[in-house]
Amino acid sequence: MKKTFGIVVLALSTAAFAAPKAQWLTVDNDVLAKIRPKLDKSVQTLFTSQGASVVKLEQREVERLSHLIHEDLHRCGGFIAHDTFEEARDTLAFQGDMYFAKSAIFADYAIDQQNAVKPMVAEVSDANILNTINKLSEYNTRYYKSDTGVKSSEFIRDTWAGLAKSRNDIKVELVTHRAFPQSSVIMTIQGTDKSDEIVILGGHADSIAGMFGGSGRAPGSDDNASGIATITEVIRILMNNNFKPRRTVAFMGYAAEEAGLLGSKEIAANWKAAGKKVVGVVQFDMTLRKGTADKDIVFMSDFTNAAQNEFLGKLVDEYVKVAWGYSKCGYGCSDHASWTNNGYPASIPFESTMEDINHNIHTARDTVENAGGDAKHAAKFAKLGVSFIGELAN
């Protein structure tokens, strides 16, 4: 199969990129209770189940909600955006897929690829990661409705394609979305003898700053240039070693995470509808800053797969050799939740506990300098990413 640098078109027309005037959200109940006094008094709870509620907000109120969650609660996300009330309600009412995704075992988690993985782990370069972070941070904003948000996704596509230019079993694509201009990015390495089984490593490509989005400076160095740069280093190493997995591997840069996981929600739902067999998903969302003194890598235990989390912890012990632990980030805190909601096993290794989260994210202060000045912490996640793909894809 020839290498393709194309565009997957998910809609016939992309003329109307303006977000709908109102959106239905599923929101973590704890978040909603704390933020409600600052929302418009007309906002009503329309349905509630399993620790979250459905509300309807105007688009500006959605962006206000995201800002308040960060500024007041010092956490990420907490909500998922939906096209209709019915979609939002059903997400909460029918959660069998989510419970299956959290508790089932999807793969054999044996660690037996040391001869191949250890040399690749040793190649991780924090300087390479830092270079990519700096390039992404140079965009004024990667906001999902901005021109620079569009261009930054194209930069990711071109960077990944450049790394794979010598391979004819690899496809790099832009995935367009109906309601906004920023594309998601997917790079696929075709598996050899288990190609119907898919392993995913992803992170969100957008950034945001301020209460209402797009024109202000949003370097997003930690959130989430760091995740994309970490994935890029994993790709570089795999390509440098001519890595040919038994299972198919997909790397993803999701659009519009900050607006309610919009890009990953669409992709995960489409993959479920197509019957794709995903056996593992890892989300890199913020890897730059070491925020917790006694832990280097922190796995979010809620809305994630318990067995895969345990496997990742063993990979840290085997290959990364740093301290790790657990925390909780709540409902809809990043793109892993999109996969969990669709019945797939997902994990999110994070740079700190939620109590120690970087308070500079979602502002113009989210820079490399304010996150330690180098990418040595992110390099630990790149080592985990290499070992995750090296072990689970073979």
Protein backbone atom coordinates (compact mmCIF):
# COMPACT_ATOMS: atom_id res chain seq x y z
CA MET A 1 0.00 0.00 0.00
CA LYS A 2 1.43 3.36 -0.96
CA LYS A 3 1.95 6.07 1.58
CA THR A 4 -0.86 8.65 1.42
CA PHE A 5 -0.87 12.26 2.53
CA GLY A 6 -4.54 12.98 2.04
CA ILE A 7 -7.65 14.20 3.74
CA VAL A 8 -10.37 12.02 5.17
CA VAL A 9 -13.61 13.88 4.51
CA LEU A 10 -16.24 13.26 7.13
CA ALA A 11 -18.78 15.62 5.62
CA LEU A 12 -19.70 16.69 2.12
CA SER A 13 -19.53 20.35 2.89
CA THR A 14 -17.27 22.35 5.19
CA ALA A 15 -18.70 25.71 4.30
CA ALA A 16 -20.35 26.34 7.64
CA PHE A 17 -17.69 26.03 10.31
CA ALA A 18 -19.45 28.24 12.84
CA ALA A 19 -20.29 26.27 15.96
CA PRO A 20 -24.00 25.90 16.71
CA LYS A 21 -25.60 28.75 18.64
CA ALA A 22 -26.23 26.40 21.53
CA GLN A 23 -24.68 23.13 22.64
CA TRP A 24 -25.75 20.37 24.95
CA LEU A 25 -23.09 19.33 27.42
CA THR A 26 -22.68 16.42 29.77
CA VAL A 27 -20.97 17.94 32.83
CA ASP A 28 -19.46 16.40 35.93
CA ASN A 29 -21.94 17.04 38.78
CA ASP A 30 -19.25 18.22 41.19
CA VAL A 31 -17.99 20.70 38.60
CA LEU A 32 -21.50 21.91 37.83
CA ALA A 33 -22.35 22.46 41.50
CA LYS A 34 -19.26 24.61 42.05
CA ILE A 35 -19.52 26.59 38.81
CA ARG A 36 -23.30 27.06 38.58
CA PRO A 37 -23.40 30.35 40.59
CA LYS A 38 -21.24 31.96 37.89
CA LEU A 39 -23.28 30.67 34.95
CA ASP A 40 -26.32 32.38 33.51
CA LYS A 41 -29.36 31.84 35.74
CA SER A 42 -31.27 30.41 32.78
CA VAL A 43 -29.02 27.33 32.66
CA GLN A 44 -31.04 24.33 33.77
CA THR A 45 -30.20 20.69 34.45
CA LEU A 46 -32.11 18.72 31.82
CA PHE A 47 -31.10 15.18 32.80
CA THR A 48 -28.79 13.59 35.34
CA SER A 49 -27.32 10.11 35.77
CA GLN A 50 -24.15 8.41 36.97
CA GLY A 51 -22.47 11.51 38.38
CA ALA A 52 -23.03 13.86 35.45
CA SER A 53 -25.79 16.10 34.09
CA VAL A 54 -27.00 17.44 30.76
CA VAL A 55 -27.17 21.22 30.36
CA LYS A 56 -27.71 23.48 27.37
CA LEU A 57 -25.35 26.44 26.95
CA GLU A 58 -24.77 29.14 24.37
CA GLN A 59 -21.37 28.82 22.70
CA ARG A 60 -19.88 31.74 24.62
CA GLU A 61 -21.06 30.12 27.85
CA VAL A 62 -19.29 26.89 26.87
CA GLU A 63 -16.01 28.76 26.60
CA ARG A 64 -16.77 30.57 29.83
CA LEU A 65 -17.38 27.21 31.50
CA SER A 66 -14.00 25.91 30.33
CA HIS A 67 -12.30 29.06 31.64
CA LEU A 68 -14.03 28.87 35.03
CA ILE A 69 -13.20 25.19 35.48
CA HIS A 70 -9.53 26.00 35.08
CA GLU A 71 -9.38 29.30 36.96
CA ASP A 72 -11.68 28.39 39.86
CA LEU A 73 -11.31 24.63 40.18
CA HIS A 74 -7.74 24.23 38.92
CA ARG A 75 -8.55 21.18 36.84
CA CYS A 76 -8.98 20.18 33.21
CA GLY A 77 -12.14 19.58 31.25
CA GLY A 78 -15.09 18.21 33.14
CA PHE A 79 -17.52 18.24 30.24
CA ILE A 80 -18.21 16.74 26.83
CA ALA A 81 -20.05 18.63 24.08
CA HIS A 82 -22.85 17.01 22.05
CA ASP A 83 -24.80 17.92 18.94
CA THR A 84 -28.25 17.13 20.36
CA PHE A 85 -30.00 16.68 23.67
CA GLU A 86 -30.72 13.07 22.74
CA GLU A 87 -27.03 12.33 22.19
CA ALA A 88 -26.09 13.94 25.51
CA ARG A 89 -28.85 12.15 27.42
CA ASP A 90 -28.03 8.77 25.89
CA THR A 91 -24.36 9.21 26.78
CA LEU A 92 -25.37 9.23 30.43
CA ALA A 93 -28.38 6.91 30.30
CA PHE A 94 -26.70 4.04 28.44
CA GLN A 95 -23.25 3.58 29.93
CA GLY A 96 -22.72 -0.12 29.37
CA ASP A 97 -19.90 0.57 26.92
CA MET A 98 -18.14 2.79 29.42
CA TYR A 99 -18.33 0.24 32.24
CA PHE A 100 -17.06 -2.46 29.88
CA ALA A 101 -14.18 -0.22 28.79
CA LYS A 102 -13.16 0.39 32.41
CA SER A 103 -13.24 -3.20 33.65
CA ALA A 104 -12.64 -5.62 30.74
CA ILE A 105 -9.26 -7.03 29.72
CA PHE A 106 -8.58 -6.34 26.06
CA ALA A 107 -5.12 -7.81 25.50
CA ASP A 108 -2.37 -10.01 26.86
CA TYR A 109 -0.28 -7.57 28.88
CA ALA A 110 2.90 -9.65 28.93
CA ILE A 111 6.15 -7.68 28.84
CA ASP A 112 8.48 -9.68 26.62
CA GLN A 113 9.91 -7.32 23.98
CA GLN A 114 12.88 -6.04 25.95
CA ASN A 115 15.48 -6.80 23.28
CA ALA A 116 13.68 -4.50 20.82
CA VAL A 117 12.27 -1.91 23.21
CA LYS A 118 15.22 -1.09 25.48
CA PRO A 119 17.47 0.20 22.67
CA MET A 120 14.62 2.38 21.37
CA VAL A 121 13.90 3.80 24.82
CA ALA A 122 17.56 4.77 25.08
CA GLU A 123 17.19 6.93 21.96
CA VAL A 124 14.67 9.36 23.50
CA SER A 125 15.92 12.94 23.20
CA ASP A 126 14.48 15.70 25.37
CA ALA A 127 16.10 18.22 23.00
CA ASN A 128 13.99 16.91 20.12
CA ILE A 129 10.83 17.14 22.21
CA LEU A 130 11.69 20.69 23.26
CA ASN A 131 12.28 21.71 19.66
CA THR A 132 8.81 20.50 18.63
CA ILE A 133 7.18 22.17 21.62
CA ASN A 134 8.82 25.45 20.69
CA LYS A 135 7.64 25.19 17.08
CA LEU A 136 4.05 24.53 18.13
CA SER A 137 4.20 27.30 20.73
CA GLU A 138 5.20 29.80 18.05
CA TYR A 139 1.65 29.76 16.68
CA ASN A 140 -0.22 32.63 18.29
CA THR A 141 -2.94 30.16 19.16
CA ARG A 142 -3.96 26.66 18.10
CA TYR A 143 -7.57 27.44 18.94
CA TYR A 144 -9.87 25.13 17.00
CA LYS A 145 -11.72 27.90 15.13
CA SER A 146 -8.64 29.96 14.20
CA ASP A 147 -6.56 30.07 11.04
CA THR A 148 -3.47 29.24 13.07
CA GLY A 149 -5.33 26.29 14.59
CA VAL A 150 -5.78 24.99 11.06
CA LYS A 151 -2.16 25.64 10.13
CA SER A 152 -0.80 24.03 13.30
CA SER A 153 -2.63 20.78 12.53
CA GLU A 154 -1.19 20.88 9.03
CA PHE A 155 2.26 21.34 10.58
CA ILE A 156 1.72 18.22 12.70
CA ARG A 157 0.58 16.30 9.62
CA ASP A 158 3.63 17.42 7.63
CA THR A 159 6.03 16.66 10.50
CA TRP A 160 4.72 13.14 10.98
CA ALA A 161 4.65 12.54 7.22
CA GLY A 162 8.26 13.69 6.96
CA LEU A 163 9.32 11.20 9.60
CA ALA A 164 7.58 8.40 7.69
CA LYS A 165 8.68 9.39 4.20
CA SER A 166 10.70 6.20 3.63
CA ARG A 167 7.82 3.86 4.49
CA ASN A 168 5.11 2.63 2.11
CA ASP A 169 3.05 0.94 4.84
CA ILE A 170 2.19 4.23 6.54
CA LYS A 171 -0.64 6.69 5.96
CA VAL A 172 -0.82 10.24 7.36
CA GLU A 173 -4.15 12.02 7.09
CA LEU A 174 -6.03 15.15 8.04
CA VAL A 175 -9.49 14.34 9.36
CA THR A 176 -11.92 17.18 8.69
CA HIS A 177 -14.82 17.94 11.01
CA ARG A 178 -18.21 19.28 10.08
CA ALA A 179 -18.65 22.10 12.57
CA PHE A 180 -15.21 23.74 12.87
CA PRO A 181 -12.16 24.31 10.67
CA GLN A 182 -9.35 22.65 12.61
CA SER A 183 -8.59 19.11 11.46
CA SER A 184 -7.48 16.18 13.53
CA VAL A 185 -4.39 14.26 12.41
CA ILE A 186 -4.03 10.48 12.16
CA MET A 187 -0.90 8.54 11.28
CA THR A 188 -1.40 4.80 10.74
CA ILE A 189 1.23 2.06 10.63
CA GLN A 190 -0.34 -1.03 9.11
CA GLY A 191 0.13 -4.14 11.23
CA THR A 192 1.67 -7.27 9.76
CA ASP A 193 -0.33 -10.29 10.98
CA LYS A 194 -2.77 -8.75 13.50
CA SER A 195 -3.71 -5.71 11.45
CA ASP A 196 -7.38 -5.76 12.52
CA GLU A 197 -6.31 -4.99 16.10
CA ILE A 198 -5.35 -1.36 16.71
CA VAL A 199 -3.20 0.39 19.32
CA ILE A 200 -3.61 4.18 19.65
CA LEU A 201 -1.33 6.87 21.08
CA GLY A 202 -2.92 10.33 20.97
CA GLY A 203 -3.07 13.85 22.35
CA HIS A 204 -4.97 17.01 21.54
CA ALA A 205 -3.64 19.47 18.99
CA ASP A 206 -5.51 22.63 20.03
CA SER A 207 -4.80 25.30 22.62
CA ILE A 208 -6.92 27.93 24.31
CA ALA A 209 -6.43 31.02 26.48
CA GLY A 210 -8.75 33.53 28.04
CA MET A 211 -12.48 33.31 28.48
CA PHE A 212 -13.65 33.46 24.89
CA GLY A 213 -11.09 31.78 22.82
CA GLY A 214 -9.45 32.52 19.65
CA SER A 215 -7.53 35.74 19.07
CA GLY A 216 -5.47 35.99 22.26
CA ARG A 217 -2.02 34.51 22.73
CA ALA A 218 -2.31 30.79 23.58
CA PRO A 219 1.11 29.14 23.28
CA GLY A 220 -0.14 26.01 25.06
CA SER A 221 3.40 24.76 25.60
CA ASP A 222 2.34 22.33 28.31
CA ASP A 223 -1.32 22.03 27.25
CA ASN A 224 -0.78 20.41 24.86
CA ALA A 225 2.24 21.09 22.65
CA SER A 226 4.05 18.83 25.10
CA GLY A 227 1.80 15.85 24.40
CA ILE A 228 2.04 16.24 20.63
CA ALA A 229 5.81 16.73 20.82
CA THR A 230 6.15 13.63 22.99
CA ILE A 231 4.17 11.59 20.46
CA THR A 232 6.33 13.03 17.67
CA GLU A 233 9.47 11.79 19.43
CA VAL A 234 7.93 8.33 19.78
CA ILE A 235 7.22 8.34 16.03
CA ARG A 236 10.77 9.50 15.23
CA ILE A 237 12.29 6.65 17.21
CA LEU A 238 9.99 4.01 15.73
CA MET A 239 10.77 5.23 12.22
CA ASN A 240 14.49 5.37 12.96
CA ASN A 241 14.30 1.68 13.92
CA ASN A 242 12.10 0.67 10.97
CA PHE A 243 9.52 -0.57 13.49
CA LYS A 244 6.95 -2.88 11.88
CA PRO A 245 4.28 -3.87 14.41
CA ARG A 246 2.11 -6.97 14.32
CA ARG A 247 -0.90 -4.89 15.36
CA THR A 248 -1.86 -1.71 13.53
CA VAL A 249 -0.70 1.45 15.32
CA ALA A 250 -2.45 4.82 15.05
CA PHE A 251 -1.05 8.13 16.30
CA MET A 252 -3.64 10.87 16.71
CA GLY A 253 -3.64 14.64 17.20
CA TYR A 254 -7.21 15.57 18.11
CA ALA A 255 -8.85 18.86 17.20
CA ALA A 256 -11.05 20.87 19.58
CA GLU A 257 -10.41 19.02 22.83
CA GLU A 258 -10.70 22.25 24.78
CA ALA A 259 -14.23 22.80 23.43
CA GLY A 260 -15.56 19.53 24.85
CA LEU A 261 -13.53 16.70 23.27
CA LEU A 262 -15.15 17.41 19.91
CA GLY A 263 -12.54 15.90 17.60
CA SER A 264 -11.90 12.70 19.56
CA LYS A 265 -15.60 12.21 20.26
CA GLU A 266 -16.35 12.20 16.54
CA ILE A 267 -13.43 9.93 15.66
CA ALA A 268 -14.12 7.40 18.43
CA ALA A 269 -17.83 7.24 17.58
CA ASN A 270 -17.03 6.72 13.89
CA TRP A 271 -14.56 3.98 14.70
CA LYS A 272 -17.10 2.23 16.91
CA ALA A 273 -19.74 2.47 14.15
CA ALA A 274 -17.23 0.98 11.71
CA GLY A 275 -16.59 -1.93 14.07
CA LYS A 276 -12.88 -1.22 14.51
CA LYS A 277 -11.15 -3.36 17.12
CA VAL A 278 -9.10 -1.07 19.34
CA VAL A 279 -7.16 -2.98 21.99
CA GLY A 280 -5.44 -0.04 23.70
CA VAL A 281 -5.54 3.77 23.84
CA VAL A 282 -3.12 6.10 25.64
CA GLN A 283 -3.64 9.85 25.87
CA PHE A 284 -0.71 12.25 26.32
CA ASP A 285 -2.21 15.51 27.57
CA MET A 286 0.44 17.57 29.40
CA THR A 287 3.86 15.97 29.89
CA LEU A 288 6.16 18.98 30.27
CA ARG A 289 6.03 20.07 33.90
CA LYS A 290 6.98 17.96 36.92
CA GLY A 291 4.32 19.11 39.33
CA THR A 292 4.34 16.45 42.05
CA ALA A 293 7.47 16.05 44.14
CA ASP A 294 7.32 12.29 44.75
CA LYS A 295 5.78 11.16 41.44
CA ASP A 296 6.94 11.55 37.85
CA ILE A 297 4.05 9.87 36.01
CA VAL A 298 0.51 9.83 37.39
CA PHE A 299 -2.23 7.60 35.97
CA MET A 300 -5.80 8.82 36.21
CA SER A 301 -7.76 5.92 37.71
CA ASP A 302 -11.26 7.16 36.86
CA PHE A 303 -12.86 6.70 33.42
CA THR A 304 -9.87 4.55 32.40
CA ASN A 305 -9.15 0.84 32.05
CA ALA A 306 -7.80 -0.65 35.27
CA ALA A 307 -5.88 -3.53 33.69
CA GLN A 308 -4.21 -1.30 31.11
CA ASN A 309 -3.26 1.21 33.83
CA GLU A 310 -1.57 -1.61 35.74
CA PHE A 311 0.24 -2.67 32.57
CA LEU A 312 1.48 0.88 32.00
CA GLY A 313 2.75 1.03 35.56
CA LYS A 314 4.75 -2.13 34.92
CA LEU A 315 6.14 -0.56 31.74
CA VAL A 316 7.31 2.42 33.80
CA ASP A 317 9.06 0.07 36.21
CA GLU A 318 10.65 -1.93 33.38
CA TYR A 319 11.71 0.82 31.00
CA VAL A 320 11.37 4.32 32.47
CA LYS A 321 12.37 3.59 36.08
CA VAL A 322 10.76 6.62 37.72
CA ALA A 323 8.23 7.00 40.51
CA TRP A 324 4.56 6.73 39.51
CA GLY A 325 1.15 6.69 41.14
CA TYR A 326 -2.54 7.41 40.69
CA SER A 327 -4.88 10.38 40.82
CA LYS A 328 -8.37 11.22 39.54
CA CYS A 329 -9.32 13.88 37.01
CA GLY A 330 -13.12 13.53 36.90
CA TYR A 331 -15.62 13.28 34.06
CA GLY A 332 -14.50 14.22 30.54
CA CYS A 333 -11.11 15.65 31.50
CA SER A 334 -9.38 14.70 28.23
CA ASP A 335 -9.74 12.74 25.00
CA HIS A 336 -9.31 9.32 26.60
CA ALA A 337 -12.91 9.75 27.79
CA SER A 338 -14.15 9.67 24.20
CA TRP A 339 -12.69 6.20 23.76
CA THR A 340 -13.92 5.00 27.15
CA ASN A 341 -17.45 6.16 26.35
CA ASN A 342 -17.36 4.11 23.15
CA GLY A 343 -16.27 0.91 24.86
CA TYR A 344 -12.51 1.02 24.25
CA PRO A 345 -9.73 0.65 26.87
CA ALA A 346 -8.04 4.00 27.53
CA SER A 347 -5.46 5.44 29.91
CA ILE A 348 -4.04 8.90 30.57
CA PRO A 349 -0.56 9.14 32.07
CA PHE A 350 -0.32 12.70 33.42
CA GLU A 351 2.50 14.96 34.52
CA SER A 352 1.21 15.45 38.09
CA THR A 353 -1.65 14.73 40.41
CA MET A 354 -4.69 16.92 39.78
CA GLU A 355 -3.99 18.73 43.05
CA ASP A 356 -0.65 19.83 41.60
CA ILE A 357 -1.90 20.79 38.13
CA ASN A 358 -0.14 23.54 36.19
CA HIS A 359 -2.09 26.74 36.92
CA ASN A 360 -0.64 28.50 33.88
CA ILE A 361 -2.56 26.41 31.35
CA HIS A 362 -5.30 28.14 29.34
CA THR A 363 -3.42 31.43 29.62
CA ALA A 364 -0.64 33.22 27.76
CA ARG A 365 1.62 32.10 30.62
CA ASP A 366 1.61 28.48 29.44
CA THR A 367 5.20 28.57 28.22
CA VAL A 368 8.23 26.31 28.44
CA GLU A 369 9.90 28.79 30.79
CA ASN A 370 6.99 28.56 33.23
CA ALA A 371 7.08 24.75 33.14
CA GLY A 372 10.71 24.23 34.06
CA GLY A 373 12.56 25.45 30.99
CA ASP A 374 13.34 22.08 29.40
CA ALA A 375 11.66 18.86 28.24
CA LYS A 376 13.38 16.39 30.54
CA HIS A 377 10.09 15.50 32.23
CA ALA A 378 8.37 14.97 28.87
CA ALA A 379 11.16 12.58 27.88
CA LYS A 380 9.93 10.17 30.57
CA PHE A 381 6.56 10.03 28.81
CA ALA A 382 8.25 9.46 25.44
CA LYS A 383 10.01 6.45 26.96
CA LEU A 384 6.64 5.19 28.20
CA GLY A 385 5.11 5.80 24.77
CA VAL A 386 7.86 3.84 23.02
CA SER A 387 7.50 0.94 25.43
CA PHE A 388 3.68 0.98 25.19
CA ILE A 389 3.77 0.70 21.40
CA GLY A 390 6.76 -1.64 21.39
CA GLU A 391 5.10 -4.11 23.75
CA LEU A 392 1.35 -3.90 23.04
CA ALA A 393 1.64 -3.69 19.25
CA ASN A 394 3.72 -6.91 19.10
